[in-house]
Amino acid sequence: MEKTFAIVLILIFTNIFAQSKYPADTLLVSKESSFVEKTVVVPIALWQRLSYNVPFLECQFYPSCSNFAAQSISKHGVIKGSIVAADRIVRCNPAAFHYHIRDRNPDIPASENFYVDGRLIDHVPNLHKTNGKSSHSPVLAAGLSAIIPGAGRMYAGRTWDGLFGFLIFALVLNTTYLNYQNGNRVSTTVLGIGTGIFYLGEIYGAYRSALISHPENNLNWAIFVG
């Protein structure tokens, strides 16, 4: 019964969003998107109806975090895509511009680092390995964040990213626990999944941060610019 209701709900959203101007809607009507992907993208499409119409909610990145998340899920699937999106959400903090300038590849022209309206270009990455070297160990960074979320980013020189990552993880974890105490099973399950996604996002984000911590070492930047 619940599955049937969910299917009907997705079909309704698909028809409503079919002619919409919001980027995430294209995935809802795409024949290549699975039912699970469309289910996850629905909240993103709803959020865009707010964020794209409220000036102070405009994202500093291009594509925006919501659009990045939708593209990431479409490109890498629900689990991997959500993890990559969680990392982006953490990185979208007041220190983003500083880190973008500091760690960008100097061989890439400014036109490929900044969108025409000044936003920071940050496309969904290709998750393949690179043989480049960095000034920090990606494995150690990932391990530190596995123990204490955010610690690996701090080790890699992204202190603010680490702080925001820890705070977001702690907030989602605490909210999950409160819902569990109140006996809200559905909310606990959904938030529990979110907690897991942000936890894995911290591990991935720490690994990524360590890889780009020393751009002059000729890293294979395709892993980041997709």
C-alpha atoms as a PDB file:
ATOM      1  CA  MET A   1       0.000   0.000   0.000  1.00  0.00           C
ATOM      2  CA  GLU A   2       2.772   2.428   0.972  1.00  0.00           C
ATOM      3  CA  LYS A   3       4.713   1.605  -2.201  1.00  0.00           C
ATOM      4  CA  THR A   4       1.628   2.179  -4.344  1.00  0.00           C
ATOM      5  CA  PHE A   5       1.038   5.534  -2.655  1.00  0.00           C
ATOM      6  CA  ALA A   6       4.670   6.521  -3.234  1.00  0.00           C
ATOM      7  CA  ILE A   7       4.434   5.588  -6.920  1.00  0.00           C
ATOM      8  CA  VAL A   8       1.248   7.628  -7.343  1.00  0.00           C
ATOM      9  CA  LEU A   9       2.881  10.571  -5.544  1.00  0.00           C
ATOM     10  CA  ILE A  10       5.923  10.456  -7.826  1.00  0.00           C
ATOM     11  CA  LEU A  11       3.703  10.322 -10.916  1.00  0.00           C
ATOM     12  CA  ILE A  12       1.787  13.376  -9.677  1.00  0.00           C
ATOM     13  CA  PHE A  13       4.993  15.315  -9.040  1.00  0.00           C
ATOM     14  CA  THR A  14       6.333  14.233 -12.439  1.00  0.00           C
ATOM     15  CA  ASN A  15       3.288  15.642 -14.212  1.00  0.00           C
ATOM     16  CA  ILE A  16       3.281  18.853 -12.167  1.00  0.00           C
ATOM     17  CA  PHE A  17       6.983  19.536 -12.741  1.00  0.00           C
ATOM     18  CA  ALA A  18       7.055  18.448 -16.394  1.00  0.00           C
ATOM     19  CA  GLN A  19       6.876  21.987 -17.782  1.00  0.00           C
ATOM     20  CA  SER A  20       8.752  23.691 -14.954  1.00  0.00           C
ATOM     21  CA  LYS A  21      11.755  26.000 -15.202  1.00  0.00           C
ATOM     22  CA  TYR A  22      13.623  24.477 -12.248  1.00  0.00           C
ATOM     23  CA  PRO A  23      16.712  22.334 -13.072  1.00  0.00           C
ATOM     24  CA  ALA A  24      15.952  19.349 -10.812  1.00  0.00           C
ATOM     25  CA  ASP A  25      12.595  18.853 -12.531  1.00  0.00           C
ATOM     26  CA  THR A  26      14.294  17.489 -15.633  1.00  0.00           C
ATOM     27  CA  LEU A  27      15.323  14.392 -13.662  1.00  0.00           C
ATOM     28  CA  LEU A  28      11.745  13.800 -12.559  1.00  0.00           C
ATOM     29  CA  VAL A  29      10.585  13.517 -16.148  1.00  0.00           C
ATOM     30  CA  SER A  30      13.687  11.762 -17.460  1.00  0.00           C
ATOM     31  CA  LYS A  31      13.169   8.185 -18.638  1.00  0.00           C
ATOM     32  CA  GLU A  32      16.752   7.422 -17.611  1.00  0.00           C
ATOM     33  CA  SER A  33      16.111   8.243 -13.929  1.00  0.00           C
ATOM     34  CA  SER A  34      15.036   5.330 -11.744  1.00  0.00           C
ATOM     35  CA  PHE A  35      12.067   5.439  -9.387  1.00  0.00           C
ATOM     36  CA  VAL A  36      14.393   5.633  -6.372  1.00  0.00           C
ATOM     37  CA  GLU A  37      16.342   8.530  -7.907  1.00  0.00           C
ATOM     38  CA  LYS A  38      13.113  10.414  -8.615  1.00  0.00           C
ATOM     39  CA  THR A  39      11.941   9.825  -5.046  1.00  0.00           C
ATOM     40  CA  VAL A  40      15.150  11.386  -3.671  1.00  0.00           C
ATOM     41  CA  VAL A  41      15.060  14.274  -6.155  1.00  0.00           C
ATOM     42  CA  VAL A  42      11.482  15.326  -5.264  1.00  0.00           C
ATOM     43  CA  PRO A  43      12.542  17.194  -2.062  1.00  0.00           C
ATOM     44  CA  ILE A  44      15.328  18.878  -4.054  1.00  0.00           C
ATOM     45  CA  ALA A  45      12.842  20.037  -6.693  1.00  0.00           C
ATOM     46  CA  LEU A  46      10.552  21.390  -3.972  1.00  0.00           C
ATOM     47  CA  TRP A  47      13.464  23.222  -2.318  1.00  0.00           C
ATOM     48  CA  GLN A  48      14.384  24.879  -5.621  1.00  0.00           C
ATOM     49  CA  ARG A  49      10.949  26.472  -5.722  1.00  0.00           C
ATOM     50  CA  LEU A  50      11.992  28.371  -2.616  1.00  0.00           C
ATOM     51  CA  SER A  51      15.731  28.866  -3.069  1.00  0.00           C
ATOM     52  CA  TYR A  52      15.471  30.055  -6.673  1.00  0.00           C
ATOM     53  CA  ASN A  53      12.977  32.760  -5.687  1.00  0.00           C
ATOM     54  CA  VAL A  54      14.473  34.065  -2.438  1.00  0.00           C
ATOM     55  CA  PRO A  55      17.564  36.281  -2.993  1.00  0.00           C
ATOM     56  CA  PHE A  56      19.371  35.486   0.275  1.00  0.00           C
ATOM     57  CA  LEU A  57      19.135  31.746  -0.465  1.00  0.00           C
ATOM     58  CA  GLU A  58      21.137  32.059  -3.688  1.00  0.00           C
ATOM     59  CA  CYS A  59      24.061  29.635  -3.732  1.00  0.00           C
ATOM     60  CA  GLN A  60      27.656  30.837  -4.096  1.00  0.00           C
ATOM     61  CA  PHE A  61      28.485  27.857  -6.300  1.00  0.00           C
ATOM     62  CA  TYR A  62      27.635  27.012  -9.909  1.00  0.00           C
ATOM     63  CA  PRO A  63      25.782  24.734 -10.240  1.00  0.00           C
ATOM     64  CA  SER A  64      23.897  25.500  -7.042  1.00  0.00           C
ATOM     65  CA  CYS A  65      24.033  22.949  -4.220  1.00  0.00           C
ATOM     66  CA  SER A  66      20.506  21.712  -4.985  1.00  0.00           C
ATOM     67  CA  ASN A  67      21.245  21.343  -8.684  1.00  0.00           C
ATOM     68  CA  PHE A  68      24.634  19.792  -7.869  1.00  0.00           C
ATOM     69  CA  ALA A  69      22.887  17.225  -5.651  1.00  0.00           C
ATOM     70  CA  ALA A  70      20.378  16.332  -8.362  1.00  0.00           C
ATOM     71  CA  GLN A  71      23.117  15.992 -10.986  1.00  0.00           C
ATOM     72  CA  SER A  72      25.284  13.972  -8.611  1.00  0.00           C
ATOM     73  CA  ILE A  73      22.469  11.503  -7.900  1.00  0.00           C
ATOM     74  CA  SER A  74      21.767  11.214 -11.621  1.00  0.00           C
ATOM     75  CA  LYS A  75      25.459  10.653 -12.416  1.00  0.00           C
ATOM     76  CA  HIS A  76      26.562   8.414  -9.541  1.00  0.00           C
ATOM     77  CA  GLY A  77      23.337   6.897  -8.209  1.00  0.00           C
ATOM     78  CA  VAL A  78      21.475   7.615  -4.980  1.00  0.00           C
ATOM     79  CA  ILE A  79      24.095   6.477  -2.447  1.00  0.00           C
ATOM     80  CA  LYS A  80      27.345   7.756  -4.006  1.00  0.00           C
ATOM     81  CA  GLY A  81      25.595  10.826  -5.384  1.00  0.00           C
ATOM     82  CA  SER A  82      24.167  11.725  -1.975  1.00  0.00           C
ATOM     83  CA  ILE A  83      27.580  11.355  -0.351  1.00  0.00           C
ATOM     84  CA  VAL A  84      29.183  13.688  -2.903  1.00  0.00           C
ATOM     85  CA  ALA A  85      26.280  16.131  -2.434  1.00  0.00           C
ATOM     86  CA  ALA A  86      26.730  16.051   1.360  1.00  0.00           C
ATOM     87  CA  ASP A  87      30.363  17.067   0.912  1.00  0.00           C
ATOM     88  CA  ARG A  88      29.301  19.997  -1.306  1.00  0.00           C
ATOM     89  CA  ILE A  89      26.727  21.189   1.258  1.00  0.00           C
ATOM     90  CA  VAL A  90      29.443  21.279   3.916  1.00  0.00           C
ATOM     91  CA  ARG A  91      31.801  23.186   1.605  1.00  0.00           C
ATOM     92  CA  CYS A  92      29.158  25.829   0.892  1.00  0.00           C
ATOM     93  CA  ASN A  93      30.139  27.965   3.872  1.00  0.00           C
ATOM     94  CA  PRO A  94      31.597  31.497   4.314  1.00  0.00           C
ATOM     95  CA  ALA A  95      35.143  30.213   3.691  1.00  0.00           C
ATOM     96  CA  ALA A  96      34.291  28.696   0.283  1.00  0.00           C
ATOM     97  CA  PHE A  97      35.676  31.606  -1.768  1.00  0.00           C
ATOM     98  CA  HIS A  98      38.973  31.591   0.151  1.00  0.00           C
ATOM     99  CA  TYR A  99      39.479  27.846  -0.320  1.00  0.00           C
ATOM    100  CA  HIS A 100      38.408  28.029  -3.965  1.00  0.00           C
ATOM    101  CA  ILE A 101      41.093  30.656  -4.672  1.00  0.00           C
ATOM    102  CA  ARG A 102      43.769  28.992  -2.553  1.00  0.00           C
ATOM    103  CA  ASP A 103      43.378  25.458  -3.883  1.00  0.00           C
ATOM    104  CA  ARG A 104      42.400  26.053  -7.508  1.00  0.00           C
ATOM    105  CA  ASN A 105      44.587  24.690 -10.275  1.00  0.00           C
ATOM    106  CA  PRO A 106      46.693  27.670 -11.475  1.00  0.00           C
ATOM    107  CA  ASP A 107      46.806  26.179 -14.988  1.00  0.00           C
ATOM    108  CA  ILE A 108      43.031  26.527 -15.374  1.00  0.00           C
ATOM    109  CA  PRO A 109      41.936  30.010 -16.553  1.00  0.00           C
ATOM    110  CA  ALA A 110      39.719  32.167 -14.342  1.00  0.00           C
ATOM    111  CA  SER A 111      36.837  31.745 -16.797  1.00  0.00           C
ATOM    112  CA  GLU A 112      36.713  28.065 -15.848  1.00  0.00           C
ATOM    113  CA  ASN A 113      36.880  28.793 -12.121  1.00  0.00           C
ATOM    114  CA  PHE A 114      34.213  31.502 -11.977  1.00  0.00           C
ATOM    115  CA  TYR A 115      30.841  31.587 -13.678  1.00  0.00           C
ATOM    116  CA  VAL A 116      29.788  34.725 -15.602  1.00  0.00           C
ATOM    117  CA  ASP A 117      27.864  36.014 -12.570  1.00  0.00           C
ATOM    118  CA  GLY A 118      30.840  35.524 -10.220  1.00  0.00           C
ATOM    119  CA  ARG A 119      29.787  32.229  -8.661  1.00  0.00           C
ATOM    120  CA  LEU A 120      32.411  29.559  -7.983  1.00  0.00           C
ATOM    121  CA  ILE A 121      32.373  26.833 -10.627  1.00  0.00           C
ATOM    122  CA  ASP A 122      32.287  23.413  -8.999  1.00  0.00           C
ATOM    123  CA  HIS A 123      30.911  20.626 -11.199  1.00  0.00           C
ATOM    124  CA  VAL A 124      29.976  17.108 -10.133  1.00  0.00           C
ATOM    125  CA  PRO A 125      33.253  15.134 -10.042  1.00  0.00           C
ATOM    126  CA  ASN A 126      34.205  11.933 -11.792  1.00  0.00           C
ATOM    127  CA  LEU A 127      35.012   9.476  -9.024  1.00  0.00           C
ATOM    128  CA  HIS A 128      38.089   7.876 -10.523  1.00  0.00           C
ATOM    129  CA  LYS A 129      41.514   7.572  -8.954  1.00  0.00           C
ATOM    130  CA  THR A 130      44.413   9.947  -9.537  1.00  0.00           C
ATOM    131  CA  ASN A 131      48.133   9.327  -9.388  1.00  0.00           C
ATOM    132  CA  GLY A 132      48.939  12.837  -8.235  1.00  0.00           C
ATOM    133  CA  LYS A 133      50.724  13.658  -4.994  1.00  0.00           C
ATOM    134  CA  SER A 134      49.604  16.039  -2.279  1.00  0.00           C
ATOM    135  CA  SER A 135      51.083  17.551   0.848  1.00  0.00           C
ATOM    136  CA  HIS A 136      48.655  15.605   3.048  1.00  0.00           C
ATOM    137  CA  SER A 137      47.766  11.921   3.145  1.00  0.00           C
ATOM    138  CA  PRO A 138      44.227  11.365   1.756  1.00  0.00           C
ATOM    139  CA  VAL A 139      43.992   8.028   3.577  1.00  0.00           C
ATOM    140  CA  LEU A 140      44.974   9.586   6.908  1.00  0.00           C
ATOM    141  CA  ALA A 141      42.529  12.442   6.331  1.00  0.00           C
ATOM    142  CA  ALA A 142      39.708  10.005   5.613  1.00  0.00           C
ATOM    143  CA  GLY A 143      40.637   7.957   8.679  1.00  0.00           C
ATOM    144  CA  LEU A 144      40.601  11.000  10.951  1.00  0.00           C
ATOM    145  CA  SER A 145      37.128  11.993   9.757  1.00  0.00           C
ATOM    146  CA  ALA A 146      35.953   8.415  10.261  1.00  0.00           C
ATOM    147  CA  ILE A 147      36.915   8.787  13.925  1.00  0.00           C
ATOM    148  CA  ILE A 148      35.810  12.404  14.388  1.00  0.00           C
ATOM    149  CA  PRO A 149      33.784  13.867  11.500  1.00  0.00           C
ATOM    150  CA  GLY A 150      35.480  17.030  10.275  1.00  0.00           C
ATOM    151  CA  ALA A 151      38.898  16.201  11.711  1.00  0.00           C
ATOM    152  CA  GLY A 152      40.258  15.044   8.364  1.00  0.00           C
ATOM    153  CA  ARG A 153      39.317  18.297   6.657  1.00  0.00           C
ATOM    154  CA  MET A 154      41.085  20.241   9.413  1.00  0.00           C
ATOM    155  CA  TYR A 155      44.189  18.094   8.979  1.00  0.00           C
ATOM    156  CA  ALA A 156      44.081  18.844   5.230  1.00  0.00           C
ATOM    157  CA  GLY A 157      44.063  22.596   5.919  1.00  0.00           C
ATOM    158  CA  ARG A 158      40.338  23.256   5.562  1.00  0.00           C
ATOM    159  CA  THR A 159      39.539  24.202   9.134  1.00  0.00           C
ATOM    160  CA  TRP A 160      36.226  25.926   8.438  1.00  0.00           C
ATOM    161  CA  ASP A 161      35.018  23.045   6.278  1.00  0.00           C
ATOM    162  CA  GLY A 162      35.920  20.711   9.117  1.00  0.00           C
ATOM    163  CA  LEU A 163      34.018  22.775  11.677  1.00  0.00           C
ATOM    164  CA  PHE A 164      30.930  23.032   9.481  1.00  0.00           C
ATOM    165  CA  GLY A 165      31.118  19.326   8.680  1.00  0.00           C
ATOM    166  CA  PHE A 166      31.247  18.395  12.349  1.00  0.00           C
ATOM    167  CA  LEU A 167      28.403  20.768  13.268  1.00  0.00           C
ATOM    168  CA  ILE A 168      26.112  19.555  10.477  1.00  0.00           C
ATOM    169  CA  PHE A 169      26.785  15.909  11.318  1.00  0.00           C
ATOM    170  CA  ALA A 170      26.222  16.547  15.038  1.00  0.00           C
ATOM    171  CA  LEU A 171      22.986  18.435  14.331  1.00  0.00           C
ATOM    172  CA  VAL A 172      21.549  15.680  12.123  1.00  0.00           C
ATOM    173  CA  LEU A 173      22.663  12.995  14.588  1.00  0.00           C
ATOM    174  CA  ASN A 174      21.098  14.823  17.534  1.00  0.00           C
ATOM    175  CA  THR A 175      17.850  15.361  15.639  1.00  0.00           C
ATOM    176  CA  THR A 176      17.769  11.661  14.772  1.00  0.00           C
ATOM    177  CA  TYR A 177      18.239  10.730  18.419  1.00  0.00           C
ATOM    178  CA  LEU A 178      15.486  13.100  19.582  1.00  0.00           C
ATOM    179  CA  ASN A 179      13.053  11.612  17.065  1.00  0.00           C
ATOM    180  CA  TYR A 180      14.027   8.132  18.235  1.00  0.00           C
ATOM    181  CA  GLN A 181      13.316   9.086  21.837  1.00  0.00           C
ATOM    182  CA  ASN A 182       9.913  10.451  20.829  1.00  0.00           C
ATOM    183  CA  GLY A 183       9.056   7.237  19.018  1.00  0.00           C
ATOM    184  CA  ASN A 184       8.871   8.782  15.542  1.00  0.00           C
ATOM    185  CA  ARG A 185       9.907   5.756  13.512  1.00  0.00           C
ATOM    186  CA  VAL A 186       9.570   7.220  10.029  1.00  0.00           C
ATOM    187  CA  SER A 187      11.438  10.415  10.935  1.00  0.00           C
ATOM    188  CA  THR A 188      14.108   8.418  12.764  1.00  0.00           C
ATOM    189  CA  THR A 189      14.660   6.220   9.705  1.00  0.00           C
ATOM    190  CA  VAL A 190      14.889   9.135   7.273  1.00  0.00           C
ATOM    191  CA  LEU A 191      17.132  11.193   9.554  1.00  0.00           C
ATOM    192  CA  GLY A 192      19.214   8.121  10.347  1.00  0.00           C
ATOM    193  CA  ILE A 193      19.914   7.671   6.649  1.00  0.00           C
ATOM    194  CA  GLY A 194      20.797  11.370   6.467  1.00  0.00           C
ATOM    195  CA  THR A 195      23.200  10.968   9.384  1.00  0.00           C
ATOM    196  CA  GLY A 196      24.914   8.097   7.616  1.00  0.00           C
ATOM    197  CA  ILE A 197      25.155  10.078   4.375  1.00  0.00           C
ATOM    198  CA  PHE A 198      26.764  13.081   6.099  1.00  0.00           C
ATOM    199  CA  TYR A 199      29.125  10.783   8.007  1.00  0.00           C
ATOM    200  CA  LEU A 200      30.316   9.176   4.765  1.00  0.00           C
ATOM    201  CA  GLY A 201      30.349  12.627   3.170  1.00  0.00           C
ATOM    202  CA  GLU A 202      32.859  13.731   5.802  1.00  0.00           C
ATOM    203  CA  ILE A 203      35.119  10.794   5.010  1.00  0.00           C
ATOM    204  CA  TYR A 204      34.899  11.477   1.276  1.00  0.00           C
ATOM    205  CA  GLY A 205      35.286  15.228   1.816  1.00  0.00           C
ATOM    206  CA  ALA A 206      38.397  14.742   3.941  1.00  0.00           C
ATOM    207  CA  TYR A 207      39.931  12.488   1.283  1.00  0.00           C
ATOM    208  CA  ARG A 208      39.116  15.052  -1.416  1.00  0.00           C
ATOM    209  CA  SER A 209      40.459  17.955   0.658  1.00  0.00           C
ATOM    210  CA  ALA A 210      43.783  16.201   1.190  1.00  0.00           C
ATOM    211  CA  LEU A 211      44.121  15.453  -2.523  1.00  0.00           C
ATOM    212  CA  ILE A 212      43.807  19.102  -3.512  1.00  0.00           C
ATOM    213  CA  SER A 213      45.826  20.494  -0.617  1.00  0.00           C
ATOM    214  CA  HIS A 214      48.862  21.108  -2.846  1.00  0.00           C
ATOM    215  CA  PRO A 215      47.727  21.918  -6.412  1.00  0.00           C
ATOM    216  CA  GLU A 216      51.208  22.755  -7.738  1.00  0.00           C
ATOM    217  CA  ASN A 217      52.075  19.041  -7.604  1.00  0.00           C
ATOM    218  CA  ASN A 218      50.259  18.554 -10.931  1.00  0.00           C
ATOM    219  CA  LEU A 219      47.300  16.569  -9.638  1.00  0.00           C
ATOM    220  CA  ASN A 220      44.894  14.986 -12.053  1.00  0.00           C
ATOM    221  CA  TRP A 221      42.177  17.610 -11.621  1.00  0.00           C
ATOM    222  CA  ALA A 222      39.665  15.677 -13.718  1.00  0.00           C
ATOM    223  CA  ILE A 223      38.571  14.036 -10.467  1.00  0.00           C
ATOM    224  CA  PHE A 224      37.294  17.405  -9.289  1.00  0.00           C
ATOM    225  CA  VAL A 225      36.143  19.279 -12.379  1.00  0.00           C
ATOM    226  CA  GLY A 226      34.405  16.315 -13.965  1.00  0.00           C
END
